[in-house]
N, C-alpha and C. Protein backbone atom coordinates (compact mmCIF):
# COMPACT_ATOMS: atom_id res chain seq x y z
N MET A 1 7.11 -56.37 -37.42
CA MET A 1 8.12 -56.33 -36.38
C MET A 1 8.08 -57.63 -35.56
N VAL A 2 6.89 -58.19 -35.42
CA VAL A 2 6.75 -59.44 -34.68
C VAL A 2 7.56 -60.55 -35.35
N TYR A 3 7.55 -60.58 -36.70
CA TYR A 3 8.31 -61.61 -37.42
C TYR A 3 9.80 -61.49 -37.14
N ILE A 4 10.28 -60.28 -37.10
CA ILE A 4 11.70 -60.06 -36.85
C ILE A 4 12.07 -60.55 -35.46
N ILE A 5 11.26 -60.22 -34.49
CA ILE A 5 11.53 -60.65 -33.11
C ILE A 5 11.53 -62.17 -33.02
N ILE A 6 10.56 -62.81 -33.66
CA ILE A 6 10.49 -64.28 -33.65
C ILE A 6 11.74 -64.87 -34.29
N ILE A 7 12.15 -64.32 -35.44
CA ILE A 7 13.34 -64.82 -36.13
C ILE A 7 14.58 -64.64 -35.27
N LEU A 8 14.72 -63.48 -34.66
CA LEU A 8 15.90 -63.23 -33.83
C LEU A 8 15.91 -64.09 -32.58
N ILE A 9 14.75 -64.33 -31.98
CA ILE A 9 14.68 -65.23 -30.82
C ILE A 9 15.08 -66.64 -31.24
N PHE A 10 14.56 -67.10 -32.37
CA PHE A 10 14.91 -68.43 -32.87
C PHE A 10 16.42 -68.52 -33.13
N ALA A 11 16.98 -67.48 -33.77
CA ALA A 11 18.41 -67.48 -34.04
C ALA A 11 19.22 -67.53 -32.75
N PHE A 12 18.78 -66.79 -31.74
CA PHE A 12 19.47 -66.81 -30.46
C PHE A 12 19.41 -68.19 -29.82
N LEU A 13 18.24 -68.82 -29.87
CA LEU A 13 18.10 -70.15 -29.28
C LEU A 13 18.98 -71.16 -29.98
N VAL A 14 19.04 -71.09 -31.31
CA VAL A 14 19.92 -71.99 -32.06
C VAL A 14 21.36 -71.73 -31.68
N TRP A 15 21.72 -70.44 -31.63
CA TRP A 15 23.10 -70.07 -31.29
C TRP A 15 23.46 -70.57 -29.90
N SER A 16 22.56 -70.36 -28.94
CA SER A 16 22.89 -70.73 -27.57
C SER A 16 22.90 -72.24 -27.36
N ALA A 17 22.17 -72.96 -28.19
CA ALA A 17 22.10 -74.41 -28.03
C ALA A 17 23.19 -75.14 -28.82
N ALA A 18 23.77 -74.47 -29.79
CA ALA A 18 24.75 -75.12 -30.66
C ALA A 18 26.00 -75.48 -29.87
N ASP A 19 26.40 -76.71 -29.99
CA ASP A 19 27.63 -77.17 -29.35
C ASP A 19 28.60 -77.52 -30.45
N ILE A 20 29.53 -76.63 -30.71
CA ILE A 20 30.50 -76.81 -31.79
C ILE A 20 31.25 -78.12 -31.64
N SER A 21 31.51 -78.56 -30.42
CA SER A 21 32.29 -79.79 -30.23
C SER A 21 31.50 -81.03 -30.62
N SER A 22 30.18 -80.91 -30.84
CA SER A 22 29.39 -82.07 -31.23
C SER A 22 29.73 -82.55 -32.63
N GLY A 23 30.34 -81.72 -33.43
CA GLY A 23 30.71 -82.10 -34.78
C GLY A 23 29.66 -81.76 -35.81
N ILE A 24 28.48 -81.36 -35.40
CA ILE A 24 27.41 -81.06 -36.34
C ILE A 24 27.74 -79.84 -37.17
N TYR A 25 28.31 -78.81 -36.57
CA TYR A 25 28.54 -77.55 -37.26
C TYR A 25 29.96 -77.39 -37.78
N VAL A 26 30.84 -78.31 -37.46
CA VAL A 26 32.25 -78.13 -37.76
C VAL A 26 32.50 -77.99 -39.26
N LYS A 27 31.90 -78.83 -40.08
CA LYS A 27 32.13 -78.76 -41.52
C LYS A 27 31.72 -77.41 -42.08
N THR A 28 30.67 -76.82 -41.55
CA THR A 28 30.18 -75.55 -42.06
C THR A 28 31.07 -74.39 -41.63
N PHE A 29 31.54 -74.39 -40.40
CA PHE A 29 32.15 -73.19 -39.87
C PHE A 29 33.65 -73.24 -39.64
N CYS A 30 34.29 -74.39 -39.69
CA CYS A 30 35.72 -74.44 -39.37
C CYS A 30 36.56 -73.56 -40.29
N GLY A 31 36.16 -73.45 -41.55
CA GLY A 31 36.94 -72.63 -42.46
C GLY A 31 36.70 -71.14 -42.28
N ILE A 32 35.68 -70.76 -41.52
CA ILE A 32 35.33 -69.36 -41.37
C ILE A 32 35.70 -68.84 -39.99
N LYS A 33 35.39 -69.60 -38.98
CA LYS A 33 35.60 -69.16 -37.60
C LYS A 33 36.39 -70.21 -36.84
N ASN A 34 36.87 -69.82 -35.69
CA ASN A 34 37.50 -70.75 -34.76
C ASN A 34 36.46 -71.80 -34.38
N CYS A 35 36.81 -73.06 -34.46
CA CYS A 35 35.84 -74.14 -34.22
C CYS A 35 35.35 -74.19 -32.78
N ASP A 36 36.00 -73.51 -31.87
CA ASP A 36 35.55 -73.48 -30.49
C ASP A 36 34.48 -72.40 -30.27
N GLU A 37 34.24 -71.59 -31.28
CA GLU A 37 33.32 -70.47 -31.16
C GLU A 37 31.94 -70.85 -31.71
N LYS A 38 30.90 -70.46 -30.99
CA LYS A 38 29.53 -70.70 -31.45
C LYS A 38 29.14 -69.58 -32.41
N VAL A 39 28.62 -69.94 -33.57
CA VAL A 39 28.22 -68.94 -34.55
C VAL A 39 26.90 -69.34 -35.21
N VAL A 40 26.20 -68.35 -35.72
CA VAL A 40 24.96 -68.56 -36.45
C VAL A 40 25.02 -67.73 -37.72
N SER A 41 24.57 -68.30 -38.82
CA SER A 41 24.48 -67.54 -40.06
C SER A 41 23.01 -67.32 -40.37
N LEU A 42 22.65 -66.06 -40.57
CA LEU A 42 21.29 -65.72 -40.95
C LEU A 42 21.24 -65.53 -42.46
N THR A 43 20.32 -66.23 -43.11
CA THR A 43 20.14 -66.06 -44.55
C THR A 43 18.67 -65.87 -44.84
N PHE A 44 18.41 -65.08 -45.86
CA PHE A 44 17.04 -64.83 -46.30
C PHE A 44 17.01 -65.02 -47.81
N ASP A 45 16.05 -65.80 -48.29
CA ASP A 45 15.95 -66.16 -49.71
C ASP A 45 14.73 -65.53 -50.37
N ASP A 46 14.81 -65.46 -51.69
CA ASP A 46 13.69 -65.12 -52.56
C ASP A 46 13.27 -63.67 -52.52
N GLY A 47 14.07 -62.79 -52.04
CA GLY A 47 13.70 -61.38 -51.98
C GLY A 47 14.36 -60.58 -53.07
N PRO A 48 14.31 -59.29 -52.95
CA PRO A 48 13.69 -58.58 -51.83
C PRO A 48 12.17 -58.72 -51.87
N SER A 49 11.59 -58.67 -50.66
CA SER A 49 10.14 -58.83 -50.52
C SER A 49 9.57 -57.65 -49.75
N ASP A 50 8.29 -57.73 -49.45
CA ASP A 50 7.63 -56.69 -48.66
C ASP A 50 8.21 -56.59 -47.26
N TYR A 51 8.90 -57.63 -46.80
CA TYR A 51 9.40 -57.68 -45.43
C TYR A 51 10.89 -57.32 -45.31
N THR A 52 11.57 -57.12 -46.42
CA THR A 52 13.01 -56.91 -46.37
C THR A 52 13.39 -55.65 -45.60
N GLU A 53 12.67 -54.56 -45.82
CA GLU A 53 12.96 -53.31 -45.08
C GLU A 53 12.84 -53.54 -43.58
N GLU A 54 11.79 -54.25 -43.18
CA GLU A 54 11.57 -54.52 -41.75
C GLU A 54 12.68 -55.43 -41.20
N LEU A 55 13.10 -56.41 -41.99
CA LEU A 55 14.20 -57.27 -41.56
C LEU A 55 15.48 -56.45 -41.37
N LEU A 56 15.75 -55.54 -42.30
CA LEU A 56 16.94 -54.70 -42.19
C LEU A 56 16.90 -53.86 -40.92
N GLN A 57 15.73 -53.34 -40.57
CA GLN A 57 15.60 -52.55 -39.34
C GLN A 57 15.88 -53.41 -38.12
N GLY A 58 15.35 -54.62 -38.09
CA GLY A 58 15.58 -55.52 -36.96
C GLY A 58 17.03 -55.94 -36.85
N LEU A 59 17.65 -56.23 -37.97
CA LEU A 59 19.07 -56.59 -37.96
C LEU A 59 19.92 -55.43 -37.47
N ASP A 60 19.58 -54.22 -37.89
CA ASP A 60 20.31 -53.03 -37.46
C ASP A 60 20.16 -52.82 -35.95
N LEU A 61 18.95 -53.04 -35.47
CA LEU A 61 18.67 -52.88 -34.05
C LEU A 61 19.57 -53.77 -33.20
N TYR A 62 19.84 -54.98 -33.68
CA TYR A 62 20.66 -55.93 -32.93
C TYR A 62 22.10 -56.00 -33.45
N GLU A 63 22.46 -55.07 -34.33
CA GLU A 63 23.80 -55.02 -34.90
C GLU A 63 24.20 -56.37 -35.48
N ALA A 64 23.25 -57.01 -36.18
CA ALA A 64 23.47 -58.32 -36.79
C ALA A 64 23.61 -58.17 -38.30
N LYS A 65 24.35 -59.07 -38.89
CA LYS A 65 24.50 -59.10 -40.34
C LYS A 65 23.92 -60.40 -40.87
N ALA A 66 23.48 -60.35 -42.12
CA ALA A 66 22.87 -61.52 -42.75
C ALA A 66 23.29 -61.58 -44.21
N THR A 67 22.96 -62.69 -44.84
CA THR A 67 23.12 -62.84 -46.27
C THR A 67 21.74 -62.88 -46.89
N PHE A 68 21.54 -62.04 -47.89
CA PHE A 68 20.28 -61.99 -48.61
C PHE A 68 20.51 -62.60 -49.99
N PHE A 69 19.89 -63.75 -50.25
CA PHE A 69 19.96 -64.38 -51.56
C PHE A 69 18.79 -63.85 -52.38
N VAL A 70 19.09 -62.91 -53.26
CA VAL A 70 18.04 -62.20 -53.98
C VAL A 70 17.79 -62.79 -55.36
N ILE A 71 16.57 -62.65 -55.80
CA ILE A 71 16.17 -63.05 -57.14
C ILE A 71 16.35 -61.81 -58.03
N GLY A 72 17.08 -61.96 -59.11
CA GLY A 72 17.43 -60.83 -59.96
C GLY A 72 16.24 -60.02 -60.44
N SER A 73 15.16 -60.68 -60.86
CA SER A 73 14.00 -59.94 -61.36
C SER A 73 13.35 -59.12 -60.25
N LYS A 74 13.37 -59.62 -59.01
CA LYS A 74 12.83 -58.84 -57.89
C LYS A 74 13.78 -57.71 -57.50
N ALA A 75 15.08 -57.98 -57.62
CA ALA A 75 16.07 -56.94 -57.32
C ALA A 75 15.96 -55.79 -58.31
N GLU A 76 15.67 -56.10 -59.58
CA GLU A 76 15.49 -55.04 -60.58
C GLU A 76 14.32 -54.13 -60.22
N LYS A 77 13.29 -54.70 -59.62
CA LYS A 77 12.10 -53.93 -59.25
C LYS A 77 12.30 -53.14 -57.95
N ASN A 78 13.27 -53.56 -57.13
CA ASN A 78 13.52 -52.94 -55.83
C ASN A 78 15.02 -52.71 -55.60
N PRO A 79 15.68 -52.04 -56.51
CA PRO A 79 17.14 -51.90 -56.37
C PRO A 79 17.56 -51.13 -55.12
N GLU A 80 16.72 -50.20 -54.67
CA GLU A 80 17.08 -49.41 -53.49
C GLU A 80 17.19 -50.28 -52.23
N ILE A 81 16.37 -51.29 -52.13
CA ILE A 81 16.42 -52.19 -50.96
C ILE A 81 17.70 -53.02 -51.01
N VAL A 82 18.03 -53.55 -52.17
CA VAL A 82 19.25 -54.35 -52.32
C VAL A 82 20.47 -53.48 -52.05
N ARG A 83 20.47 -52.29 -52.59
CA ARG A 83 21.58 -51.35 -52.38
C ARG A 83 21.74 -51.02 -50.90
N LYS A 84 20.62 -50.78 -50.23
CA LYS A 84 20.65 -50.45 -48.81
C LYS A 84 21.24 -51.61 -48.00
N ALA A 85 20.79 -52.83 -48.28
CA ALA A 85 21.31 -54.00 -47.56
C ALA A 85 22.82 -54.12 -47.77
N HIS A 86 23.25 -53.94 -48.99
CA HIS A 86 24.68 -54.02 -49.31
C HIS A 86 25.46 -52.93 -48.58
N GLU A 87 24.95 -51.71 -48.62
CA GLU A 87 25.64 -50.59 -47.97
C GLU A 87 25.70 -50.74 -46.45
N GLU A 88 24.73 -51.47 -45.87
CA GLU A 88 24.73 -51.69 -44.43
C GLU A 88 25.62 -52.87 -44.03
N GLY A 89 26.30 -53.48 -45.00
CA GLY A 89 27.27 -54.53 -44.69
C GLY A 89 26.75 -55.95 -44.77
N HIS A 90 25.55 -56.12 -45.28
CA HIS A 90 25.02 -57.47 -45.46
C HIS A 90 25.55 -58.03 -46.78
N LEU A 91 25.69 -59.34 -46.85
CA LEU A 91 26.12 -59.96 -48.09
C LEU A 91 24.92 -60.14 -49.00
N ILE A 92 25.14 -59.96 -50.29
CA ILE A 92 24.09 -60.16 -51.27
C ILE A 92 24.49 -61.35 -52.13
N GLY A 93 23.67 -62.39 -52.09
CA GLY A 93 23.93 -63.59 -52.86
C GLY A 93 22.97 -63.71 -54.02
N ASN A 94 23.36 -64.51 -55.00
CA ASN A 94 22.60 -64.70 -56.23
C ASN A 94 21.67 -65.91 -56.09
N HIS A 95 20.37 -65.66 -56.17
CA HIS A 95 19.38 -66.74 -56.13
C HIS A 95 18.74 -66.89 -57.51
N THR A 96 19.54 -66.67 -58.54
CA THR A 96 19.18 -66.69 -59.96
C THR A 96 18.34 -65.47 -60.33
N TYR A 97 18.06 -65.36 -61.61
CA TYR A 97 17.28 -64.22 -62.07
C TYR A 97 15.78 -64.41 -61.86
N SER A 98 15.30 -65.62 -62.11
CA SER A 98 13.84 -65.83 -62.07
C SER A 98 13.40 -67.02 -61.24
N HIS A 99 14.29 -67.53 -60.38
CA HIS A 99 14.00 -68.70 -59.56
C HIS A 99 13.61 -69.89 -60.45
N LEU A 100 14.42 -70.08 -61.44
CA LEU A 100 14.24 -71.12 -62.44
C LEU A 100 14.24 -72.51 -61.79
N ASP A 101 13.36 -73.38 -62.24
CA ASP A 101 13.35 -74.77 -61.78
C ASP A 101 14.44 -75.53 -62.52
N PHE A 102 15.54 -75.78 -61.85
CA PHE A 102 16.70 -76.40 -62.49
C PHE A 102 16.40 -77.81 -63.00
N TYR A 103 15.49 -78.52 -62.36
CA TYR A 103 15.18 -79.89 -62.78
C TYR A 103 14.48 -79.93 -64.13
N LYS A 104 13.86 -78.84 -64.51
CA LYS A 104 13.12 -78.79 -65.77
C LYS A 104 13.81 -77.90 -66.80
N SER A 105 15.09 -77.62 -66.59
CA SER A 105 15.79 -76.67 -67.45
C SER A 105 17.04 -77.28 -68.05
N THR A 106 17.49 -76.69 -69.14
CA THR A 106 18.74 -77.11 -69.77
C THR A 106 19.91 -76.45 -69.05
N ILE A 107 21.07 -77.01 -69.22
CA ILE A 107 22.26 -76.45 -68.59
C ILE A 107 22.50 -75.02 -69.09
N SER A 108 22.29 -74.78 -70.36
CA SER A 108 22.53 -73.43 -70.89
C SER A 108 21.53 -72.43 -70.32
N SER A 109 20.28 -72.83 -70.12
CA SER A 109 19.31 -71.88 -69.53
C SER A 109 19.60 -71.64 -68.05
N ILE A 110 20.11 -72.65 -67.37
CA ILE A 110 20.50 -72.49 -65.97
C ILE A 110 21.67 -71.50 -65.87
N GLU A 111 22.68 -71.72 -66.70
CA GLU A 111 23.85 -70.83 -66.70
C GLU A 111 23.43 -69.39 -67.02
N GLU A 112 22.54 -69.24 -68.00
CA GLU A 112 22.07 -67.91 -68.39
C GLU A 112 21.32 -67.24 -67.24
N ASN A 113 20.49 -68.01 -66.52
CA ASN A 113 19.70 -67.47 -65.41
C ASN A 113 20.60 -67.05 -64.25
N ILE A 114 21.60 -67.85 -63.96
CA ILE A 114 22.55 -67.50 -62.89
C ILE A 114 23.35 -66.26 -63.27
N THR A 115 23.83 -66.23 -64.51
CA THR A 115 24.61 -65.09 -64.98
C THR A 115 23.79 -63.81 -64.97
N LYS A 116 22.55 -63.89 -65.43
CA LYS A 116 21.69 -62.71 -65.47
C LYS A 116 21.42 -62.20 -64.05
N GLY A 117 21.20 -63.12 -63.11
CA GLY A 117 21.01 -62.71 -61.71
C GLY A 117 22.24 -62.01 -61.16
N ALA A 118 23.42 -62.55 -61.45
CA ALA A 118 24.67 -61.94 -60.99
C ALA A 118 24.87 -60.57 -61.62
N ASP A 119 24.51 -60.45 -62.90
CA ASP A 119 24.64 -59.16 -63.59
C ASP A 119 23.80 -58.08 -62.92
N VAL A 120 22.57 -58.43 -62.56
CA VAL A 120 21.67 -57.47 -61.91
C VAL A 120 22.24 -57.04 -60.56
N ILE A 121 22.71 -58.00 -59.78
CA ILE A 121 23.28 -57.68 -58.47
C ILE A 121 24.51 -56.80 -58.61
N GLU A 122 25.36 -57.12 -59.56
CA GLU A 122 26.56 -56.31 -59.78
C GLU A 122 26.20 -54.89 -60.21
N GLU A 123 25.19 -54.76 -61.05
CA GLU A 123 24.76 -53.44 -61.48
C GLU A 123 24.27 -52.59 -60.31
N ILE A 124 23.57 -53.23 -59.37
CA ILE A 124 23.01 -52.51 -58.22
C ILE A 124 24.06 -52.20 -57.16
N THR A 125 24.89 -53.19 -56.84
CA THR A 125 25.82 -53.06 -55.70
C THR A 125 27.23 -52.66 -56.10
N GLY A 126 27.58 -52.88 -57.36
CA GLY A 126 28.94 -52.62 -57.79
C GLY A 126 29.87 -53.78 -57.53
N GLU A 127 29.34 -54.88 -56.98
CA GLU A 127 30.14 -56.08 -56.71
C GLU A 127 29.44 -57.29 -57.27
N ARG A 128 30.21 -58.17 -57.87
CA ARG A 128 29.64 -59.40 -58.43
C ARG A 128 29.58 -60.44 -57.31
N PRO A 129 28.42 -61.06 -57.12
CA PRO A 129 28.32 -62.08 -56.06
C PRO A 129 29.15 -63.32 -56.39
N LEU A 130 29.67 -63.93 -55.37
CA LEU A 130 30.47 -65.15 -55.57
C LEU A 130 29.55 -66.32 -55.84
C-alpha cells in the first residue's frame, strides 16, 4: 500500500507542477485533451505482477484510471487480474508476449511476439489492443 501512496503522490506532484503552456506536454496531450488542461497519464509496464492487485485497489480508491502494458506470457498466467483491470475501465496495452529484445531479434520474430501478445490480451479481455 505504501508503494501505491508514493506513486499517487508523485503523480499528483507532476500533475500540479505541469504547465501545459510551457510546450513540454503539448505534443503528447493536444490530440487527447484541451491543451489548457493539466493531465497526467499513469502507465504500468511488465505485468501483471505481484503488485497489480494492490495498484488496482489504490487506483479505485482515488477513482483513477491507468494503462497497463502487459506481457502476454504473464497475462496467460494471471488472466483474472488482466480481466479485472479491463472491467474496471483501465486500458490494457500490449508489451509483447515475452518481452523480446528487439535489438537481437529478426523482424519476423518481433512481429510474431507482438501478435502473440495481442492475441492473449484479446482472448482475456475480448478486445484487441491498439
